[in-house]
């Protein structure tokens, strides 16, 4: 089985991230760099990860005017990262696809953040339910021909049905049974997420705060295939 785990490096500094990557070693070679770490360590740390043979999911959730998104995505593509997130707004997605054209960079559209539920959407003035909004954004993503989506494991089966087998589906909000859910509201186990059609699982604290991070990665992999 190909390793579907992406470790979230939601850490304050490059030194903390380096220590974790060393501890994980060959158990996982795919890492997510989000806003916090990118703001702290920047492009140089991404280049360092890639130079050591790792894959990088750059989770920047780009959302700006079209030309800015296009040019920023083109810069990310030069880095050699595998994945980059953008918001699933049609204008943003079209511009991002232009910026990534002719490169190996795969774009992932963010549907609805896994920290949000129906009450949060209503508070924001959105009349739709999470499920309804996800479905709308998935349709728009397919129309824009974006490579993949980020979606909750609770919606991934429906999203897979809508997109077909070739779309990359990345699911955060994944925790083994008994693991703390943290600030996520829509969660599932790794085994459930893969069975529902996820391509990759983003896992953070369950691994990053474990006493034996490499061992925890291997335990999750065993859980998925068990």
N, C-alpha and C. Protein backbone atom coordinates (compact mmCIF):
# COMPACT_ATOMS: atom_id res chain seq x y z
N UNK A 1 0.83 -1.19 0.00
CA UNK A 1 0.00 0.00 0.00
C UNK A 1 0.87 1.24 0.00
N UNK A 2 0.55 2.20 -0.87
CA UNK A 2 1.22 3.49 -0.82
C UNK A 2 0.82 4.19 0.47
N UNK A 3 1.77 4.87 1.08
CA UNK A 3 1.49 5.56 2.34
C UNK A 3 0.60 6.78 2.05
N UNK A 4 -0.64 6.82 2.58
CA UNK A 4 -1.54 7.94 2.31
C UNK A 4 -1.44 9.06 3.34
N UNK A 5 -0.51 8.96 4.28
CA UNK A 5 -0.46 9.91 5.38
C UNK A 5 0.39 11.13 5.02
N UNK A 6 -0.15 12.30 5.30
CA UNK A 6 0.58 13.56 5.23
C UNK A 6 0.63 14.12 6.65
N UNK A 7 1.82 14.35 7.16
CA UNK A 7 1.97 14.86 8.52
C UNK A 7 1.90 16.39 8.52
N UNK A 8 1.03 16.93 9.36
CA UNK A 8 0.87 18.38 9.46
C UNK A 8 1.94 18.96 10.37
N UNK A 9 2.83 19.75 9.80
CA UNK A 9 3.88 20.40 10.58
C UNK A 9 3.35 21.74 11.10
N UNK A 10 2.35 21.65 11.98
CA UNK A 10 1.75 22.86 12.55
C UNK A 10 2.56 23.27 13.77
N UNK A 11 3.74 23.78 13.50
CA UNK A 11 4.73 24.09 14.54
C UNK A 11 5.22 25.53 14.38
N UNK A 12 5.86 26.05 15.43
CA UNK A 12 6.23 27.46 15.46
C UNK A 12 7.54 27.77 14.76
N UNK A 13 8.39 26.77 14.58
CA UNK A 13 9.72 27.07 14.04
C UNK A 13 10.24 25.94 13.19
N UNK A 14 11.21 26.28 12.35
CA UNK A 14 11.86 25.27 11.52
C UNK A 14 12.60 24.26 12.38
N UNK A 15 13.19 24.69 13.50
CA UNK A 15 13.92 23.76 14.37
C UNK A 15 13.00 22.69 14.93
N UNK A 16 11.79 23.09 15.37
CA UNK A 16 10.83 22.10 15.87
C UNK A 16 10.44 21.13 14.76
N UNK A 17 10.21 21.69 13.57
CA UNK A 17 9.80 20.86 12.45
C UNK A 17 10.92 19.89 12.06
N UNK A 18 12.16 20.37 12.03
CA UNK A 18 13.29 19.50 11.69
C UNK A 18 13.40 18.33 12.66
N UNK A 19 13.24 18.62 13.95
CA UNK A 19 13.34 17.58 14.96
C UNK A 19 12.27 16.52 14.75
N UNK A 20 11.05 16.96 14.44
CA UNK A 20 9.97 16.02 14.21
C UNK A 20 10.22 15.18 12.96
N UNK A 21 10.66 15.82 11.88
CA UNK A 21 10.94 15.10 10.64
C UNK A 21 12.03 14.05 10.88
N UNK A 22 13.05 14.40 11.66
CA UNK A 22 14.09 13.42 11.99
C UNK A 22 13.51 12.24 12.77
N UNK A 23 12.63 12.52 13.72
CA UNK A 23 12.05 11.45 14.54
C UNK A 23 11.15 10.53 13.72
N UNK A 24 10.47 11.09 12.74
CA UNK A 24 9.59 10.28 11.90
C UNK A 24 10.40 9.46 10.89
N UNK A 25 11.47 10.04 10.39
CA UNK A 25 12.36 9.30 9.48
C UNK A 25 11.62 8.79 8.26
N UNK A 26 11.87 7.53 7.94
CA UNK A 26 11.29 6.94 6.75
C UNK A 26 9.87 6.48 6.91
N UNK A 27 9.28 6.62 8.09
CA UNK A 27 7.90 6.18 8.30
C UNK A 27 6.93 7.00 7.46
N UNK A 28 7.27 8.25 7.19
CA UNK A 28 6.44 9.11 6.34
C UNK A 28 7.33 10.15 5.70
N UNK A 29 7.10 10.40 4.40
CA UNK A 29 7.94 11.38 3.69
C UNK A 29 7.10 12.46 3.02
N UNK A 30 5.90 12.69 3.55
CA UNK A 30 5.02 13.71 2.99
C UNK A 30 4.58 14.63 4.13
N UNK A 31 4.83 15.93 3.98
CA UNK A 31 4.57 16.88 5.07
C UNK A 31 3.76 18.07 4.59
N UNK A 32 2.86 18.51 5.46
CA UNK A 32 2.08 19.71 5.20
C UNK A 32 2.71 20.89 5.91
N UNK A 33 2.97 21.94 5.16
CA UNK A 33 3.45 23.20 5.72
C UNK A 33 2.34 24.22 5.57
N UNK A 34 1.83 24.69 6.71
CA UNK A 34 0.73 25.64 6.71
C UNK A 34 1.20 27.07 6.92
N UNK A 35 0.25 27.95 7.18
CA UNK A 35 0.55 29.37 7.28
C UNK A 35 1.53 29.69 8.39
N UNK A 36 1.36 29.06 9.56
CA UNK A 36 2.23 29.38 10.69
C UNK A 36 3.69 29.09 10.39
N UNK A 37 3.97 27.87 9.95
CA UNK A 37 5.35 27.49 9.69
C UNK A 37 5.90 28.22 8.46
N UNK A 38 5.06 28.44 7.46
CA UNK A 38 5.53 29.16 6.28
C UNK A 38 5.89 30.61 6.64
N UNK A 39 5.09 31.21 7.55
CA UNK A 39 5.40 32.57 7.99
C UNK A 39 6.68 32.60 8.81
N UNK A 40 6.94 31.53 9.55
CA UNK A 40 8.12 31.49 10.41
C UNK A 40 9.39 31.13 9.65
N UNK A 41 9.28 30.20 8.71
CA UNK A 41 10.49 29.65 8.08
C UNK A 41 10.57 29.88 6.58
N UNK A 42 9.44 30.15 5.92
CA UNK A 42 9.43 30.56 4.53
C UNK A 42 9.83 29.50 3.52
N UNK A 43 10.13 30.00 2.32
CA UNK A 43 10.47 29.12 1.19
C UNK A 43 11.69 28.26 1.47
N UNK A 44 12.64 28.80 2.21
CA UNK A 44 13.88 28.06 2.42
C UNK A 44 13.63 26.75 3.14
N UNK A 45 12.70 26.72 4.08
CA UNK A 45 12.42 25.47 4.78
C UNK A 45 11.71 24.48 3.86
N UNK A 46 10.81 24.97 3.02
CA UNK A 46 10.17 24.09 2.05
C UNK A 46 11.22 23.47 1.13
N UNK A 47 12.15 24.30 0.66
CA UNK A 47 13.23 23.80 -0.19
C UNK A 47 14.08 22.77 0.55
N UNK A 48 14.29 22.98 1.84
CA UNK A 48 15.06 22.03 2.65
C UNK A 48 14.35 20.68 2.73
N UNK A 49 13.05 20.71 3.00
CA UNK A 49 12.27 19.46 3.04
C UNK A 49 12.35 18.72 1.71
N UNK A 50 12.14 19.46 0.63
CA UNK A 50 12.17 18.84 -0.70
C UNK A 50 13.56 18.31 -1.02
N UNK A 51 14.59 19.04 -0.62
CA UNK A 51 15.96 18.62 -0.88
C UNK A 51 16.34 17.34 -0.17
N UNK A 52 15.63 17.03 0.93
CA UNK A 52 15.89 15.80 1.68
C UNK A 52 15.06 14.63 1.16
N UNK A 53 14.36 14.85 0.05
CA UNK A 53 13.59 13.77 -0.57
C UNK A 53 12.17 13.65 -0.09
N UNK A 54 11.68 14.66 0.64
CA UNK A 54 10.30 14.64 1.10
C UNK A 54 9.38 15.29 0.07
N UNK A 55 8.11 15.01 0.20
CA UNK A 55 7.09 15.70 -0.57
C UNK A 55 6.46 16.75 0.33
N UNK A 56 5.97 17.83 -0.28
CA UNK A 56 5.43 18.93 0.50
C UNK A 56 4.05 19.33 -0.01
N UNK A 57 3.13 19.43 0.93
CA UNK A 57 1.79 19.96 0.70
C UNK A 57 1.79 21.36 1.32
N UNK A 58 1.78 22.38 0.47
CA UNK A 58 1.82 23.76 0.94
C UNK A 58 0.38 24.25 1.12
N UNK A 59 -0.03 24.38 2.38
CA UNK A 59 -1.43 24.67 2.70
C UNK A 59 -1.57 26.16 3.01
N UNK A 60 -1.67 26.96 1.94
CA UNK A 60 -1.74 28.41 2.08
C UNK A 60 -3.14 28.96 1.82
N UNK A 61 -4.04 28.13 1.33
CA UNK A 61 -5.44 28.52 1.11
C UNK A 61 -5.54 29.88 0.42
N UNK A 62 -4.93 29.98 -0.73
CA UNK A 62 -4.87 31.27 -1.44
C UNK A 62 -6.26 31.78 -1.81
N UNK A 63 -6.44 33.08 -1.61
CA UNK A 63 -7.72 33.73 -1.94
C UNK A 63 -7.44 35.21 -2.14
N UNK A 64 -7.45 35.65 -3.40
CA UNK A 64 -7.15 37.05 -3.72
C UNK A 64 -7.67 37.31 -5.12
N UNK A 65 -7.39 38.49 -5.64
CA UNK A 65 -7.81 38.78 -7.01
C UNK A 65 -7.08 37.83 -7.97
N UNK A 66 -7.68 37.60 -9.12
CA UNK A 66 -7.18 36.57 -10.02
C UNK A 66 -5.72 36.70 -10.40
N UNK A 67 -5.28 37.89 -10.80
CA UNK A 67 -3.91 38.06 -11.26
C UNK A 67 -2.91 37.78 -10.14
N UNK A 68 -3.25 38.20 -8.92
CA UNK A 68 -2.35 37.94 -7.78
C UNK A 68 -2.24 36.45 -7.51
N UNK A 69 -3.36 35.76 -7.55
CA UNK A 69 -3.35 34.31 -7.34
C UNK A 69 -2.54 33.62 -8.42
N UNK A 70 -2.76 34.00 -9.66
CA UNK A 70 -2.03 33.38 -10.78
C UNK A 70 -0.53 33.51 -10.59
N UNK A 71 -0.06 34.70 -10.26
CA UNK A 71 1.37 34.94 -10.13
C UNK A 71 1.95 34.26 -8.89
N UNK A 72 1.19 34.24 -7.81
CA UNK A 72 1.66 33.58 -6.60
C UNK A 72 1.76 32.07 -6.80
N UNK A 73 0.78 31.49 -7.47
CA UNK A 73 0.82 30.05 -7.75
C UNK A 73 2.02 29.71 -8.63
N UNK A 74 2.31 30.55 -9.60
CA UNK A 74 3.47 30.31 -10.47
C UNK A 74 4.76 30.30 -9.65
N UNK A 75 4.85 31.14 -8.63
CA UNK A 75 6.02 31.16 -7.76
C UNK A 75 6.12 29.87 -6.95
N UNK A 76 4.98 29.41 -6.42
CA UNK A 76 4.97 28.16 -5.66
C UNK A 76 5.38 26.99 -6.55
N UNK A 77 4.91 27.00 -7.79
CA UNK A 77 5.24 25.91 -8.71
C UNK A 77 6.74 25.78 -8.90
N UNK A 78 7.46 26.90 -8.86
CA UNK A 78 8.91 26.87 -9.03
C UNK A 78 9.61 26.16 -7.87
N UNK A 79 8.96 26.15 -6.71
CA UNK A 79 9.55 25.51 -5.54
C UNK A 79 9.68 23.99 -5.70
N UNK A 80 8.68 23.41 -6.36
CA UNK A 80 8.68 21.96 -6.50
C UNK A 80 7.78 21.25 -5.51
N UNK A 81 6.93 22.00 -4.79
CA UNK A 81 5.96 21.38 -3.89
C UNK A 81 4.97 20.55 -4.70
N UNK A 82 4.40 19.54 -4.06
CA UNK A 82 3.47 18.65 -4.75
C UNK A 82 2.05 19.23 -4.78
N UNK A 83 1.58 19.75 -3.63
CA UNK A 83 0.21 20.23 -3.52
C UNK A 83 0.20 21.67 -3.01
N UNK A 84 -0.82 22.43 -3.43
CA UNK A 84 -1.06 23.78 -2.92
C UNK A 84 -2.57 23.97 -2.81
N UNK A 85 -3.02 24.55 -1.69
CA UNK A 85 -4.44 24.81 -1.53
C UNK A 85 -4.83 26.22 -1.96
N UNK A 86 -6.02 26.29 -2.56
CA UNK A 86 -6.66 27.56 -2.89
C UNK A 86 -8.13 27.44 -2.48
N UNK A 87 -8.78 28.57 -2.27
CA UNK A 87 -10.20 28.51 -1.94
C UNK A 87 -11.01 28.16 -3.18
N UNK A 88 -12.12 27.46 -2.97
CA UNK A 88 -12.92 26.96 -4.09
C UNK A 88 -13.90 28.02 -4.58
N UNK A 89 -13.34 29.17 -4.92
CA UNK A 89 -14.09 30.27 -5.55
C UNK A 89 -13.74 30.25 -7.04
N UNK A 90 -14.73 30.20 -7.92
CA UNK A 90 -14.43 29.99 -9.34
C UNK A 90 -13.33 30.88 -9.90
N UNK A 91 -13.38 32.19 -9.64
CA UNK A 91 -12.35 33.09 -10.17
C UNK A 91 -10.97 32.73 -9.65
N UNK A 92 -10.89 32.39 -8.37
CA UNK A 92 -9.62 32.02 -7.75
C UNK A 92 -9.08 30.74 -8.37
N UNK A 93 -9.96 29.75 -8.52
CA UNK A 93 -9.51 28.46 -9.06
C UNK A 93 -9.05 28.59 -10.50
N UNK A 94 -9.76 29.36 -11.30
CA UNK A 94 -9.34 29.53 -12.71
C UNK A 94 -7.98 30.20 -12.79
N UNK A 95 -7.77 31.21 -11.98
CA UNK A 95 -6.48 31.92 -11.98
C UNK A 95 -5.37 31.00 -11.51
N UNK A 96 -5.65 30.21 -10.48
CA UNK A 96 -4.64 29.29 -9.95
C UNK A 96 -4.25 28.25 -10.99
N UNK A 97 -5.22 27.73 -11.71
CA UNK A 97 -4.91 26.75 -12.75
C UNK A 97 -4.04 27.35 -13.84
N UNK A 98 -4.25 28.62 -14.15
CA UNK A 98 -3.38 29.30 -15.12
C UNK A 98 -1.95 29.37 -14.58
N UNK A 99 -1.82 29.71 -13.31
CA UNK A 99 -0.50 29.83 -12.70
C UNK A 99 0.25 28.51 -12.64
N UNK A 100 -0.49 27.42 -12.50
CA UNK A 100 0.13 26.10 -12.39
C UNK A 100 0.30 25.40 -13.73
N UNK A 101 -0.22 25.99 -14.78
CA UNK A 101 -0.19 25.36 -16.10
C UNK A 101 1.23 25.00 -16.53
N UNK A 102 1.40 23.78 -17.01
CA UNK A 102 2.70 23.34 -17.50
C UNK A 102 3.68 22.92 -16.42
N UNK A 103 3.23 22.87 -15.17
CA UNK A 103 4.10 22.45 -14.06
C UNK A 103 3.56 21.17 -13.44
N UNK A 104 4.32 20.63 -12.47
CA UNK A 104 3.92 19.41 -11.78
C UNK A 104 3.04 19.70 -10.56
N UNK A 105 2.85 20.97 -10.23
CA UNK A 105 2.08 21.33 -9.05
C UNK A 105 0.61 20.94 -9.20
N UNK A 106 0.08 20.29 -8.16
CA UNK A 106 -1.33 19.92 -8.13
C UNK A 106 -2.07 20.86 -7.18
N UNK A 107 -3.16 21.40 -7.65
CA UNK A 107 -3.95 22.33 -6.85
C UNK A 107 -5.09 21.60 -6.16
N UNK A 108 -5.31 21.97 -4.90
CA UNK A 108 -6.40 21.40 -4.11
C UNK A 108 -7.33 22.53 -3.69
N UNK A 109 -8.59 22.42 -4.03
CA UNK A 109 -9.56 23.43 -3.63
C UNK A 109 -10.11 23.10 -2.24
N UNK A 110 -10.19 24.11 -1.40
CA UNK A 110 -10.74 23.95 -0.06
C UNK A 110 -12.24 24.18 -0.13
N UNK A 111 -13.01 23.20 0.31
CA UNK A 111 -14.47 23.33 0.29
C UNK A 111 -14.93 24.08 1.53
N UNK A 112 -15.13 23.38 2.64
CA UNK A 112 -15.52 24.02 3.90
C UNK A 112 -14.56 23.54 4.97
N UNK A 113 -13.94 24.46 5.70
CA UNK A 113 -12.97 24.09 6.72
C UNK A 113 -13.57 23.10 7.72
N UNK A 114 -12.78 22.11 8.13
CA UNK A 114 -13.30 21.09 9.03
C UNK A 114 -13.53 21.60 10.44
N UNK A 115 -13.15 22.84 10.73
CA UNK A 115 -13.44 23.43 12.03
C UNK A 115 -14.82 24.07 12.06
N UNK A 116 -15.53 24.07 10.91
CA UNK A 116 -16.84 24.71 10.81
C UNK A 116 -17.96 23.68 10.77
N UNK A 117 -19.08 24.02 11.40
CA UNK A 117 -20.28 23.20 11.29
C UNK A 117 -21.44 24.09 10.85
N UNK A 118 -22.65 23.54 10.82
CA UNK A 118 -23.80 24.30 10.31
C UNK A 118 -24.02 25.60 11.09
N UNK A 119 -23.88 25.55 12.41
CA UNK A 119 -24.08 26.74 13.22
C UNK A 119 -23.08 27.84 12.86
N UNK A 120 -21.83 27.44 12.60
CA UNK A 120 -20.82 28.42 12.21
C UNK A 120 -21.18 29.09 10.89
N UNK A 121 -21.66 28.29 9.93
CA UNK A 121 -22.04 28.86 8.63
C UNK A 121 -23.20 29.84 8.79
N UNK A 122 -24.18 29.47 9.61
CA UNK A 122 -25.32 30.36 9.81
C UNK A 122 -24.88 31.66 10.48
N UNK A 123 -23.93 31.57 11.40
CA UNK A 123 -23.39 32.76 12.04
C UNK A 123 -22.70 33.67 11.03
N UNK A 124 -22.14 33.07 9.97
CA UNK A 124 -21.46 33.83 8.92
C UNK A 124 -22.44 34.37 7.89
N UNK A 125 -23.73 34.06 8.04
CA UNK A 125 -24.72 34.53 7.10
C UNK A 125 -24.96 33.61 5.92
N UNK A 126 -24.46 32.38 6.00
CA UNK A 126 -24.65 31.40 4.93
C UNK A 126 -25.86 30.55 5.28
N UNK A 127 -26.86 30.53 4.41
CA UNK A 127 -28.09 29.81 4.69
C UNK A 127 -27.94 28.30 4.48
N UNK A 128 -26.98 27.90 3.66
CA UNK A 128 -26.80 26.48 3.34
C UNK A 128 -26.26 25.72 4.54
N UNK A 129 -26.50 24.42 4.53
CA UNK A 129 -25.84 23.54 5.48
C UNK A 129 -24.42 23.26 4.98
N UNK A 130 -23.59 22.69 5.84
CA UNK A 130 -22.25 22.31 5.41
C UNK A 130 -22.32 21.40 4.20
N UNK A 131 -23.19 20.39 4.26
CA UNK A 131 -23.29 19.42 3.17
C UNK A 131 -23.68 20.09 1.86
N UNK A 132 -24.63 21.03 1.92
CA UNK A 132 -25.09 21.72 0.71
C UNK A 132 -23.99 22.61 0.14
N UNK A 133 -23.26 23.30 1.01
CA UNK A 133 -22.19 24.18 0.54
C UNK A 133 -21.04 23.38 -0.05
N UNK A 134 -20.70 22.26 0.58
CA UNK A 134 -19.65 21.40 0.05
C UNK A 134 -20.03 20.92 -1.35
N UNK A 135 -21.27 20.48 -1.52
CA UNK A 135 -21.71 19.97 -2.82
C UNK A 135 -21.60 21.06 -3.90
N UNK A 136 -22.01 22.28 -3.57
CA UNK A 136 -21.91 23.38 -4.53
C UNK A 136 -20.47 23.64 -4.92
N UNK A 137 -19.59 23.67 -3.92
CA UNK A 137 -18.19 23.96 -4.20
C UNK A 137 -17.49 22.83 -4.94
N UNK A 138 -17.91 21.62 -4.71
CA UNK A 138 -17.36 20.49 -5.46
C UNK A 138 -17.72 20.63 -6.93
N UNK A 139 -18.97 20.95 -7.21
CA UNK A 139 -19.39 21.13 -8.61
C UNK A 139 -18.57 22.23 -9.28
N UNK A 140 -18.35 23.33 -8.58
CA UNK A 140 -17.56 24.42 -9.15
C UNK A 140 -16.10 24.01 -9.37
N UNK A 141 -15.58 23.19 -8.47
CA UNK A 141 -14.20 22.72 -8.60
C UNK A 141 -14.05 21.81 -9.82
N UNK A 142 -15.01 20.93 -10.02
CA UNK A 142 -14.99 20.04 -11.18
C UNK A 142 -15.06 20.86 -12.47
N UNK A 143 -15.92 21.88 -12.49
CA UNK A 143 -16.05 22.74 -13.67
C UNK A 143 -14.75 23.48 -13.97
N UNK A 144 -14.00 23.83 -12.92
CA UNK A 144 -12.74 24.55 -13.10
C UNK A 144 -11.58 23.62 -13.43
N UNK A 145 -11.84 22.30 -13.41
CA UNK A 145 -10.83 21.28 -13.72
C UNK A 145 -9.63 21.31 -12.77
N UNK A 146 -9.89 21.68 -11.51
CA UNK A 146 -8.85 21.66 -10.49
C UNK A 146 -8.51 20.20 -10.16
N UNK A 147 -7.25 19.95 -9.80
CA UNK A 147 -6.75 18.58 -9.64
C UNK A 147 -7.39 17.82 -8.47
N UNK A 148 -7.78 18.54 -7.42
CA UNK A 148 -8.30 17.83 -6.26
C UNK A 148 -8.98 18.76 -5.28
N UNK A 149 -9.40 18.18 -4.16
CA UNK A 149 -10.11 18.94 -3.15
C UNK A 149 -9.64 18.53 -1.76
N UNK A 150 -9.80 19.46 -0.83
CA UNK A 150 -9.67 19.16 0.58
C UNK A 150 -11.08 19.13 1.15
N UNK A 151 -11.43 18.04 1.81
CA UNK A 151 -12.78 17.94 2.35
C UNK A 151 -12.78 17.07 3.60
N UNK A 152 -13.80 17.28 4.41
CA UNK A 152 -13.95 16.49 5.62
C UNK A 152 -14.12 15.02 5.29
N UNK A 153 -13.62 14.11 6.13
CA UNK A 153 -13.84 12.68 5.90
C UNK A 153 -15.32 12.30 5.95
N UNK A 154 -16.14 13.13 6.58
CA UNK A 154 -17.58 12.84 6.62
C UNK A 154 -18.25 13.15 5.30
N UNK A 155 -17.61 13.96 4.44
CA UNK A 155 -18.17 14.28 3.13
C UNK A 155 -17.44 13.58 1.99
N UNK A 156 -16.34 12.88 2.29
CA UNK A 156 -15.48 12.40 1.22
C UNK A 156 -16.16 11.37 0.34
N UNK A 157 -17.05 10.54 0.88
CA UNK A 157 -17.73 9.54 0.05
C UNK A 157 -18.61 10.22 -0.99
N UNK A 158 -19.34 11.24 -0.58
CA UNK A 158 -20.19 11.98 -1.52
C UNK A 158 -19.34 12.73 -2.54
N UNK A 159 -18.25 13.32 -2.08
CA UNK A 159 -17.37 14.05 -2.99
C UNK A 159 -16.76 13.11 -4.02
N UNK A 160 -16.32 11.94 -3.57
CA UNK A 160 -15.75 10.95 -4.50
C UNK A 160 -16.78 10.56 -5.54
N UNK A 161 -18.00 10.39 -5.12
CA UNK A 161 -19.07 10.02 -6.05
C UNK A 161 -19.26 11.11 -7.11
N UNK A 162 -19.13 12.36 -6.70
CA UNK A 162 -19.34 13.48 -7.61
C UNK A 162 -18.16 13.70 -8.55
N UNK A 163 -16.95 13.41 -8.10
CA UNK A 163 -15.76 13.76 -8.88
C UNK A 163 -15.21 12.62 -9.72
N UNK A 164 -15.52 11.39 -9.34
CA UNK A 164 -14.94 10.25 -10.04
C UNK A 164 -13.63 9.81 -9.42
N UNK A 165 -13.01 8.74 -9.98
CA UNK A 165 -11.86 8.11 -9.33
C UNK A 165 -10.54 8.84 -9.44
N UNK A 166 -10.39 9.77 -10.36
CA UNK A 166 -9.08 10.36 -10.63
C UNK A 166 -8.78 11.62 -9.83
N UNK A 167 -9.78 12.21 -9.22
CA UNK A 167 -9.57 13.43 -8.45
C UNK A 167 -8.85 13.13 -7.14
N UNK A 168 -7.89 13.97 -6.78
CA UNK A 168 -7.16 13.82 -5.52
C UNK A 168 -8.04 14.36 -4.40
N UNK A 169 -8.33 13.54 -3.41
CA UNK A 169 -9.13 13.97 -2.26
C UNK A 169 -8.27 13.86 -1.00
N UNK A 170 -8.05 15.01 -0.37
CA UNK A 170 -7.22 15.07 0.83
C UNK A 170 -8.12 15.42 2.01
N UNK A 171 -8.03 14.61 3.07
CA UNK A 171 -8.94 14.79 4.20
C UNK A 171 -8.18 15.08 5.49
N UNK A 172 -8.37 16.29 6.02
CA UNK A 172 -7.96 16.56 7.40
C UNK A 172 -9.07 16.06 8.33
N UNK A 173 -8.97 16.37 9.61
CA UNK A 173 -10.01 15.94 10.54
C UNK A 173 -10.03 14.44 10.71
N UNK A 174 -8.86 13.81 10.65
CA UNK A 174 -8.75 12.35 10.79
C UNK A 174 -8.08 12.02 12.11
N UNK A 175 -8.71 11.17 12.90
CA UNK A 175 -8.18 10.76 14.20
C UNK A 175 -8.50 9.29 14.41
N UNK A 176 -7.59 8.54 14.97
CA UNK A 176 -7.90 7.17 15.38
C UNK A 176 -8.91 7.21 16.50
N UNK A 177 -9.66 6.14 16.66
CA UNK A 177 -10.64 6.06 17.74
C UNK A 177 -9.95 6.29 19.08
N UNK A 178 -10.50 7.20 19.86
CA UNK A 178 -9.91 7.50 21.17
C UNK A 178 -8.95 8.66 21.18
N UNK A 179 -8.49 9.11 20.00
CA UNK A 179 -7.57 10.24 19.93
C UNK A 179 -8.35 11.54 20.11
N UNK A 180 -7.72 12.55 20.68
CA UNK A 180 -8.37 13.84 20.90
C UNK A 180 -8.71 14.50 19.57
N UNK A 181 -9.89 15.13 19.49
CA UNK A 181 -10.32 15.74 18.23
C UNK A 181 -9.83 17.17 18.10
N UNK A 182 -9.34 17.78 19.18
CA UNK A 182 -8.82 19.15 19.10
C UNK A 182 -9.88 20.12 18.64
N UNK A 183 -9.55 20.99 17.66
CA UNK A 183 -10.50 22.01 17.21
C UNK A 183 -11.30 21.57 15.98
N UNK A 184 -11.22 20.29 15.64
CA UNK A 184 -11.97 19.79 14.50
C UNK A 184 -13.37 19.35 14.95
N UNK A 185 -14.37 19.62 14.10
CA UNK A 185 -15.74 19.27 14.44
C UNK A 185 -16.30 18.14 13.58
N UNK A 186 -15.68 17.88 12.44
CA UNK A 186 -16.18 16.85 11.54
C UNK A 186 -15.05 15.87 11.30
N UNK A 187 -15.02 14.79 12.10
CA UNK A 187 -13.89 13.89 12.10
C UNK A 187 -14.31 12.46 11.78
N UNK A 188 -13.32 11.62 11.43
CA UNK A 188 -13.51 10.19 11.22
C UNK A 188 -12.18 9.51 11.45
N UNK A 189 -12.19 8.19 11.54
CA UNK A 189 -10.94 7.46 11.72
C UNK A 189 -10.22 7.34 10.38
N UNK A 190 -8.91 7.08 10.41
CA UNK A 190 -8.17 6.89 9.15
C UNK A 190 -8.77 5.78 8.29
N UNK A 191 -9.12 4.68 8.89
CA UNK A 191 -9.68 3.55 8.14
C UNK A 191 -10.99 3.95 7.46
N UNK A 192 -11.85 4.66 8.20
CA UNK A 192 -13.11 5.12 7.63
C UNK A 192 -12.89 6.07 6.46
N UNK A 193 -11.94 6.99 6.61
CA UNK A 193 -11.69 7.98 5.56
C UNK A 193 -11.19 7.33 4.27
N UNK A 194 -10.25 6.40 4.39
CA UNK A 194 -9.74 5.71 3.21
C UNK A 194 -10.83 4.87 2.56
N UNK A 195 -11.62 4.18 3.37
CA UNK A 195 -12.71 3.35 2.84
C UNK A 195 -13.75 4.20 2.12
N UNK A 196 -13.88 5.45 2.52
CA UNK A 196 -14.87 6.35 1.92
C UNK A 196 -14.37 7.00 0.63
N UNK A 197 -13.07 6.84 0.33
CA UNK A 197 -12.56 7.36 -0.94
C UNK A 197 -11.47 8.39 -0.84
N UNK A 198 -10.94 8.64 0.37
CA UNK A 198 -9.86 9.61 0.51
C UNK A 198 -8.59 9.10 -0.17
N UNK A 199 -7.85 10.03 -0.80
CA UNK A 199 -6.56 9.69 -1.39
C UNK A 199 -5.44 9.84 -0.37
N UNK A 200 -5.53 10.90 0.43
CA UNK A 200 -4.52 11.20 1.44
C UNK A 200 -5.20 11.66 2.72
N UNK A 201 -4.54 11.41 3.85
CA UNK A 201 -5.03 11.80 5.16
C UNK A 201 -4.03 12.77 5.78
N UNK A 202 -4.52 13.93 6.20
CA UNK A 202 -3.65 14.87 6.92
C UNK A 202 -3.81 14.60 8.41
N UNK A 203 -2.71 14.24 9.06
CA UNK A 203 -2.75 13.91 10.48
C UNK A 203 -1.73 14.78 11.20
N UNK A 204 -2.17 15.42 12.26
CA UNK A 204 -1.31 16.32 13.02
C UNK A 204 -0.99 15.79 14.39
N UNK A 205 -1.72 16.29 15.39
CA UNK A 205 -1.36 16.07 16.79
C UNK A 205 -1.23 14.60 17.18
N UNK A 206 -2.04 13.75 16.59
CA UNK A 206 -1.95 12.33 16.96
C UNK A 206 -0.53 11.80 16.75
N UNK A 207 0.14 12.31 15.73
CA UNK A 207 1.53 11.91 15.45
C UNK A 207 2.51 12.90 16.06
N UNK A 208 2.27 14.20 15.85
CA UNK A 208 3.28 15.19 16.22
C UNK A 208 3.45 15.32 17.73
N UNK A 209 2.45 14.93 18.50
CA UNK A 209 2.55 15.00 19.96
C UNK A 209 2.74 13.62 20.59
N UNK A 210 2.94 12.62 19.76
CA UNK A 210 3.16 11.26 20.28
C UNK A 210 4.58 11.13 20.83
N UNK A 211 4.75 10.28 21.82
CA UNK A 211 6.09 10.04 22.37
C UNK A 211 6.98 9.35 21.35
N UNK A 212 6.37 8.59 20.44
CA UNK A 212 7.10 7.89 19.38
C UNK A 212 6.40 8.19 18.05
N UNK A 213 6.70 9.32 17.41
CA UNK A 213 5.98 9.70 16.19
C UNK A 213 6.05 8.67 15.07
N UNK A 214 7.23 8.09 14.85
CA UNK A 214 7.36 7.08 13.78
C UNK A 214 6.51 5.86 14.10
N UNK A 215 6.53 5.45 15.36
CA UNK A 215 5.72 4.31 15.77
C UNK A 215 4.25 4.58 15.60
N UNK A 216 3.83 5.82 15.87
CA UNK A 216 2.42 6.17 15.72
C UNK A 216 2.01 6.15 14.26
N UNK A 217 2.88 6.63 13.36
CA UNK A 217 2.59 6.54 11.93
C UNK A 217 2.38 5.09 11.51
N UNK A 218 3.28 4.22 11.93
CA UNK A 218 3.17 2.81 11.57
C UNK A 218 1.92 2.16 12.17
N UNK A 219 1.55 2.60 13.38
CA UNK A 219 0.33 2.05 14.00
C UNK A 219 -0.90 2.46 13.21
N UNK A 220 -0.93 3.71 12.72
CA UNK A 220 -2.06 4.18 11.93
C UNK A 220 -2.14 3.42 10.61
N UNK A 221 -0.98 3.19 9.98
CA UNK A 221 -0.97 2.42 8.72
C UNK A 221 -1.50 1.02 8.93
N UNK A 222 -1.13 0.40 10.06
CA UNK A 222 -1.64 -0.93 10.39
C UNK A 222 -3.15 -0.89 10.60
N UNK A 223 -3.60 0.16 11.25
CA UNK A 223 -5.04 0.33 11.49
C UNK A 223 -5.82 0.43 10.17
N UNK A 224 -5.24 1.14 9.19
CA UNK A 224 -5.92 1.33 7.92
C UNK A 224 -6.11 0.01 7.18
N UNK A 225 -5.08 -0.81 7.18
CA UNK A 225 -5.15 -2.06 6.40
C UNK A 225 -5.70 -3.22 7.21
N UNK A 226 -5.86 -3.04 8.52
CA UNK A 226 -6.30 -4.12 9.40
C UNK A 226 -7.76 -4.48 9.23
